[in-house]
Amino acid sequence: MSIEERLKLLTDTFTISLYQQVSQSLFERDKLTFSFILCSRILIAQDELPREEFMFLVMSIVDVESLEPNPAPEWLRNEAWSMLCQIEVLPAFSGFKEHFKKQISGWKQYSTDVDASLAKLPSPWAQRLSQFEALILIRIFHPDKLLYFVRDFIQSKMGMKFVKPPHFDIEKAYEDSDVMCPLIFISEPQYNPIVDLYRFAQRKEYGSKFIPISLGEGQVENKQSMYRKRKYILCISCKNTYFHINIFGDITLVIYSCGDQASSARFVAF
C-alpha cells in the first residue's frame, strides 16, 4: 500500500468516526446540517469548492429594497430577485442577471415546475454550473426543496453513510463515557430517555439503583444528597422543566467530592 493510499484510508476512517461521534450528540433535525458543513469544509480544503460559493449559499444577505425593480413580480419573490442581483459576485455566475432578464419565460418554467428534481436549468447554465452552484439556484427558486438537493449533494460526494446517521446507541455512549464525566441528555419534548435508560440499567443489573428524580426548583440539594448517600450509582435521570442556572457547577462539585466511590467503573451518572 502506497503512502497516498494509507493517508486516504486514515483520512476516511477519521472522517466517518468524527461524523458518527458528533451525530450521536445532535438532534435529528441538525444531523444533515452537520453532514453538509463537514462535506463542504472538506471540499474547500481540497480546493474543489470555492469558499465564497459556500458562504453565499449559507449566509447571503437578502436585501428586499433592491434598487433595481423586480422584472417578474407576479411569480418571482422580491427576496429571490435580491439574491439574483447579488449572485454575480461569484465568478461562475458572471452575466447571470442579464441572461435572466432576457430569458424570463424559461426561468419562470424552471421556477414554477412542481417537481424541482426534473426541472431543467435554461441553457447554458445546466452545463456551466457545478452541482454545488446549482444548489444556489435551488435556494433562490425552490427554497422548500433545498434539503432534498443538499442530501443528494452529500451522497454524491461522500456516500450514503453520511446522509443516514447512526441511531443513538446508549451502550456505545456508556463505553465512551468516563466515571468522572456524566452523560447529559438534552432531549426534544417528544422523546423521553427514561425508559431507554431504565432498560439499559436492567441489562447491566443495576435496575434497583436507577433513580429518576426531577431537577425542578428546590431539587438541587436533593440530587446532591443522593449522590453522597449512594455508594454506587449507575444512573440518575434528570427529567425537568426548569433548569437551575448553577446545576452543572453543583453536579461537578458533588462528583469530585465523592472521592473513592467515583473511582469505581460502576459509577456513572446520566
Protein backbone atom coordinates (compact mmCIF):
# COMPACT_ATOMS: atom_id res chain seq x y z
CA MET A 1 0.00 0.00 0.00
CA SER A 2 1.43 3.38 -1.02
CA ILE A 3 1.72 6.37 1.30
CA GLU A 4 -1.09 8.13 -0.58
CA GLU A 5 -3.40 5.13 -0.13
CA ARG A 6 -2.58 4.90 3.57
CA LEU A 7 -3.22 8.61 4.06
CA LYS A 8 -6.56 8.34 2.27
CA LEU A 9 -7.54 5.35 4.42
CA LEU A 10 -6.62 7.24 7.59
CA THR A 11 -8.48 10.33 6.44
CA ASP A 12 -11.62 8.36 5.52
CA THR A 13 -11.55 6.48 8.82
CA PHE A 14 -11.13 9.66 10.85
CA THR A 15 -13.87 11.44 8.89
CA ILE A 16 -16.51 8.74 9.41
CA SER A 17 -15.52 8.40 13.07
CA LEU A 18 -15.87 12.16 13.58
CA TYR A 19 -19.23 12.16 11.81
CA GLN A 20 -20.59 9.29 13.88
CA GLN A 21 -19.33 10.64 17.20
CA VAL A 22 -20.71 14.14 16.64
CA SER A 23 -24.00 12.85 15.22
CA GLN A 24 -24.62 10.97 18.46
CA SER A 25 -24.91 14.29 20.27
CA LEU A 26 -27.12 16.14 17.77
CA PHE A 27 -30.87 16.41 17.36
CA GLU A 28 -32.15 14.57 14.30
CA ARG A 29 -33.04 17.83 12.57
CA ASP A 30 -29.44 19.07 12.86
CA LYS A 31 -27.58 15.98 11.61
CA LEU A 32 -27.95 16.75 7.90
CA THR A 33 -26.71 20.30 8.51
CA PHE A 34 -23.60 18.98 10.23
CA SER A 35 -23.02 16.49 7.42
CA PHE A 36 -23.32 19.26 4.82
CA ILE A 37 -20.88 21.52 6.68
CA LEU A 38 -18.42 18.65 7.08
CA CYS A 39 -18.67 17.77 3.39
CA SER A 40 -18.29 21.40 2.28
CA ARG A 41 -15.29 22.06 4.53
CA ILE A 42 -13.51 19.00 3.15
CA LEU A 43 -14.16 20.13 -0.43
CA ILE A 44 -12.94 23.64 0.40
CA ALA A 45 -9.75 22.22 1.94
CA GLN A 46 -9.21 20.15 -1.23
CA ASP A 47 -9.75 23.23 -3.44
CA GLU A 48 -12.77 21.58 -5.03
CA LEU A 49 -15.23 24.18 -3.73
CA PRO A 50 -14.67 27.96 -3.67
CA ARG A 51 -15.18 29.25 -0.16
CA GLU A 52 -17.15 32.27 -1.41
CA GLU A 53 -19.75 29.98 -3.00
CA PHE A 54 -20.27 28.14 0.28
CA MET A 55 -20.59 31.43 2.19
CA PHE A 56 -23.07 32.79 -0.36
CA LEU A 57 -25.28 29.74 -0.04
CA VAL A 58 -25.42 29.69 3.75
CA MET A 59 -25.07 33.39 4.60
CA SER A 60 -26.13 35.56 1.65
CA ILE A 61 -27.81 38.77 2.75
CA VAL A 62 -31.25 39.33 1.31
CA ASP A 63 -31.98 43.00 0.59
CA VAL A 64 -35.64 43.31 -0.34
CA GLU A 65 -35.12 47.02 -1.03
CA SER A 66 -33.00 46.35 -4.12
CA LEU A 67 -32.59 49.47 -6.23
CA GLU A 68 -33.40 47.61 -9.45
CA PRO A 69 -37.10 46.71 -9.74
CA ASN A 70 -38.17 43.09 -9.87
CA PRO A 71 -38.82 42.23 -13.55
CA ALA A 72 -41.27 39.42 -12.75
CA PRO A 73 -43.10 40.26 -9.50
CA GLU A 74 -46.08 38.06 -10.42
CA TRP A 75 -44.09 34.86 -9.82
CA LEU A 76 -40.63 35.86 -8.52
CA ARG A 77 -40.35 36.76 -4.85
CA ASN A 78 -38.59 40.05 -4.07
CA GLU A 79 -36.19 38.16 -1.80
CA ALA A 80 -35.28 35.88 -4.70
CA TRP A 81 -34.74 38.82 -7.05
CA SER A 82 -32.48 40.49 -4.49
CA MET A 83 -30.33 37.36 -4.30
CA LEU A 84 -30.15 37.24 -8.10
CA CYS A 85 -28.88 40.82 -8.07
CA GLN A 86 -26.08 39.75 -5.70
CA ILE A 87 -25.20 36.46 -7.34
CA GLU A 88 -22.74 37.94 -9.83
CA VAL A 89 -20.21 38.45 -7.04
CA LEU A 90 -19.46 34.78 -7.75
CA PRO A 91 -17.33 34.32 -10.91
CA ALA A 92 -19.33 31.26 -12.00
CA PHE A 93 -22.47 33.42 -12.32
CA SER A 94 -20.96 36.20 -14.41
CA GLY A 95 -23.66 37.62 -16.71
CA PHE A 96 -26.44 35.73 -14.97
CA LYS A 97 -28.69 38.69 -14.23
CA GLU A 98 -28.79 39.91 -17.83
CA HIS A 99 -29.43 36.38 -19.06
CA PHE A 100 -32.28 36.05 -16.58
CA LYS A 101 -33.95 39.24 -17.78
CA LYS A 102 -33.69 38.10 -21.43
CA GLN A 103 -34.96 34.56 -20.69
CA ILE A 104 -37.64 35.27 -18.11
CA SER A 105 -40.08 32.77 -19.63
CA GLY A 106 -37.55 29.94 -19.36
CA TRP A 107 -36.73 30.79 -15.76
CA LYS A 108 -40.43 31.04 -14.94
CA GLN A 109 -40.91 27.49 -16.20
CA TYR A 110 -37.95 26.34 -14.10
CA SER A 111 -39.20 28.16 -11.01
CA THR A 112 -42.81 27.01 -11.24
CA ASP A 113 -42.07 23.38 -12.11
CA VAL A 114 -43.79 21.23 -9.48
CA ASP A 115 -41.03 18.61 -9.50
CA ALA A 116 -37.79 20.52 -8.93
CA SER A 117 -35.73 17.36 -9.41
CA LEU A 118 -36.90 17.16 -13.05
CA ALA A 119 -36.75 20.89 -13.77
CA LYS A 120 -34.10 21.79 -16.35
CA LEU A 121 -31.92 24.85 -15.96
CA PRO A 122 -32.13 27.10 -19.02
CA SER A 123 -29.11 26.78 -21.31
CA PRO A 124 -26.18 27.29 -20.89
CA TRP A 125 -26.39 27.12 -17.09
CA ALA A 126 -27.16 23.39 -16.89
CA GLN A 127 -23.78 22.69 -18.48
CA ARG A 128 -21.92 25.62 -16.96
CA LEU A 129 -22.64 25.22 -13.25
CA SER A 130 -21.26 22.66 -10.82
CA GLN A 131 -23.54 20.60 -8.59
CA PHE A 132 -22.87 22.94 -5.67
CA GLU A 133 -23.51 26.07 -7.76
CA ALA A 134 -26.84 24.56 -8.80
CA LEU A 135 -27.73 24.43 -5.08
CA ILE A 136 -27.53 28.22 -5.00
CA LEU A 137 -30.21 28.44 -7.69
CA ILE A 138 -32.28 25.85 -5.85
CA ARG A 139 -32.18 28.07 -2.77
CA ILE A 140 -33.36 31.02 -4.86
CA PHE A 141 -36.07 29.38 -6.96
CA HIS A 142 -37.03 26.29 -4.91
CA PRO A 143 -36.12 27.05 -1.26
CA ASP A 144 -38.60 24.47 0.03
CA LYS A 145 -36.70 21.70 -1.84
CA LEU A 146 -33.19 22.72 -0.77
CA LEU A 147 -32.77 20.00 1.86
CA TYR A 148 -33.54 17.25 -0.66
CA PHE A 149 -30.87 18.54 -3.04
CA VAL A 150 -28.38 19.02 -0.21
CA ARG A 151 -28.89 15.36 0.71
CA ASP A 152 -28.19 14.32 -2.90
CA PHE A 153 -25.08 16.51 -2.96
CA ILE A 154 -23.66 14.96 0.21
CA GLN A 155 -24.40 11.44 -1.04
CA SER A 156 -22.69 12.07 -4.39
CA LYS A 157 -19.58 13.49 -2.72
CA MET A 158 -19.20 11.35 0.39
CA GLY A 159 -21.53 8.38 0.12
CA MET A 160 -24.80 7.19 1.62
CA LYS A 161 -23.33 6.68 5.11
CA PHE A 162 -23.08 10.46 5.55
CA VAL A 163 -26.79 11.05 4.94
CA LYS A 164 -28.00 8.14 7.09
CA PRO A 165 -26.58 8.86 10.54
CA PRO A 166 -26.44 6.03 13.06
CA HIS A 167 -29.20 5.86 15.64
CA PHE A 168 -28.25 6.75 19.18
CA ASP A 169 -26.56 3.79 20.85
CA ILE A 170 -26.72 4.05 24.63
CA GLU A 171 -24.35 1.09 25.01
CA LYS A 172 -21.70 2.81 22.90
CA ALA A 173 -22.20 6.09 24.75
CA TYR A 174 -21.69 4.24 28.02
CA GLU A 175 -18.49 2.62 26.75
CA ASP A 176 -17.16 6.01 25.63
CA SER A 177 -18.00 7.66 28.97
CA ASP A 178 -15.75 8.23 31.94
CA VAL A 179 -16.51 7.63 35.61
CA MET A 180 -15.84 11.30 36.35
CA CYS A 181 -17.87 12.63 33.42
CA PRO A 182 -21.70 12.39 33.44
CA LEU A 183 -23.56 11.69 30.24
CA ILE A 184 -26.05 14.52 29.77
CA PHE A 185 -29.18 14.00 27.66
CA ILE A 186 -30.81 17.13 26.23
CA SER A 187 -33.85 15.66 24.54
CA GLU A 188 -36.67 17.05 22.46
CA PRO A 189 -40.14 17.25 24.06
CA GLN A 190 -41.48 14.23 22.18
CA TYR A 191 -38.66 11.96 23.38
CA ASN A 192 -38.20 10.81 26.95
CA PRO A 193 -34.96 8.87 27.58
CA ILE A 194 -36.15 7.50 30.94
CA VAL A 195 -37.44 4.20 29.50
CA ASP A 196 -34.29 3.53 27.48
CA LEU A 197 -32.11 4.36 30.47
CA TYR A 198 -34.11 2.06 32.74
CA ARG A 199 -33.85 -0.85 30.29
CA PHE A 200 -30.13 -0.23 29.96
CA ALA A 201 -29.76 -0.24 33.76
CA GLN A 202 -31.60 -3.57 33.92
CA ARG A 203 -29.32 -5.09 31.28
CA LYS A 204 -26.37 -4.03 33.41
CA GLU A 205 -28.10 -5.50 36.50
CA TYR A 206 -28.39 -2.10 38.15
CA GLY A 207 -32.12 -1.65 37.83
CA SER A 208 -32.50 -1.28 41.60
CA LYS A 209 -30.10 1.67 41.62
CA PHE A 210 -31.77 3.59 38.82
CA ILE A 211 -33.01 6.80 40.43
CA PRO A 212 -35.13 9.14 38.29
CA ILE A 213 -35.62 12.48 40.01
CA SER A 214 -36.60 15.94 38.86
CA LEU A 215 -34.23 18.87 38.67
CA GLY A 216 -37.02 21.31 39.26
CA GLU A 217 -36.65 24.29 41.54
CA GLY A 218 -35.61 23.24 45.02
CA GLN A 219 -34.36 19.80 43.92
CA VAL A 220 -30.66 20.62 43.61
CA GLU A 221 -29.98 19.80 47.27
CA ASN A 222 -31.97 16.57 46.91
CA LYS A 223 -29.83 15.46 43.97
CA GLN A 224 -26.61 16.33 45.82
CA SER A 225 -27.80 14.30 48.79
CA MET A 226 -28.49 11.25 46.64
CA TYR A 227 -25.04 11.50 45.09
CA ARG A 228 -23.45 11.42 48.53
CA LYS A 229 -25.60 8.71 50.13
CA ARG A 230 -25.37 6.08 47.40
CA LYS A 231 -22.09 4.26 47.30
CA TYR A 232 -22.51 3.34 43.67
CA ILE A 233 -24.90 4.94 41.23
CA LEU A 234 -25.32 3.69 37.67
CA CYS A 235 -27.55 6.50 36.56
CA ILE A 236 -29.62 9.35 37.83
CA SER A 237 -32.05 10.56 35.22
CA CYS A 238 -32.95 14.23 35.27
CA LYS A 239 -36.43 14.80 33.95
CA ASN A 240 -37.02 18.50 34.33
CA THR A 241 -38.88 21.50 33.04
CA TYR A 242 -36.82 24.07 34.93
CA PHE A 243 -33.04 24.27 34.79
CA HIS A 244 -31.27 25.69 37.82
CA ILE A 245 -28.68 28.13 36.50
CA ASN A 246 -25.91 26.62 38.64
CA ILE A 247 -26.87 22.95 38.26
CA PHE A 248 -23.86 21.88 36.18
CA GLY A 249 -21.46 23.58 38.53
CA ASP A 250 -23.21 21.99 41.52
CA ILE A 251 -23.12 18.50 39.99
CA THR A 252 -19.45 18.87 39.09
CA LEU A 253 -18.55 19.77 42.67
CA VAL A 254 -20.57 16.86 44.04
CA ILE A 255 -19.00 14.31 41.67
CA TYR A 256 -15.49 15.43 42.55
CA SER A 257 -16.36 15.33 46.24
CA CYS A 258 -17.41 11.67 46.02
CA GLY A 259 -13.79 10.62 46.33
CA ASP A 260 -13.02 6.89 46.14
CA GLN A 261 -16.57 5.82 45.33
CA ALA A 262 -16.37 7.65 41.99
CA SER A 263 -13.28 5.69 41.04
CA SER A 264 -15.31 2.54 40.52
CA ALA A 265 -16.11 1.62 36.95
CA ARG A 266 -19.69 1.06 38.13
CA PHE A 267 -20.18 4.76 38.94
CA VAL A 268 -21.73 6.55 36.01
CA ALA A 269 -24.16 9.43 36.10
CA PHE A 270 -26.68 10.08 33.33
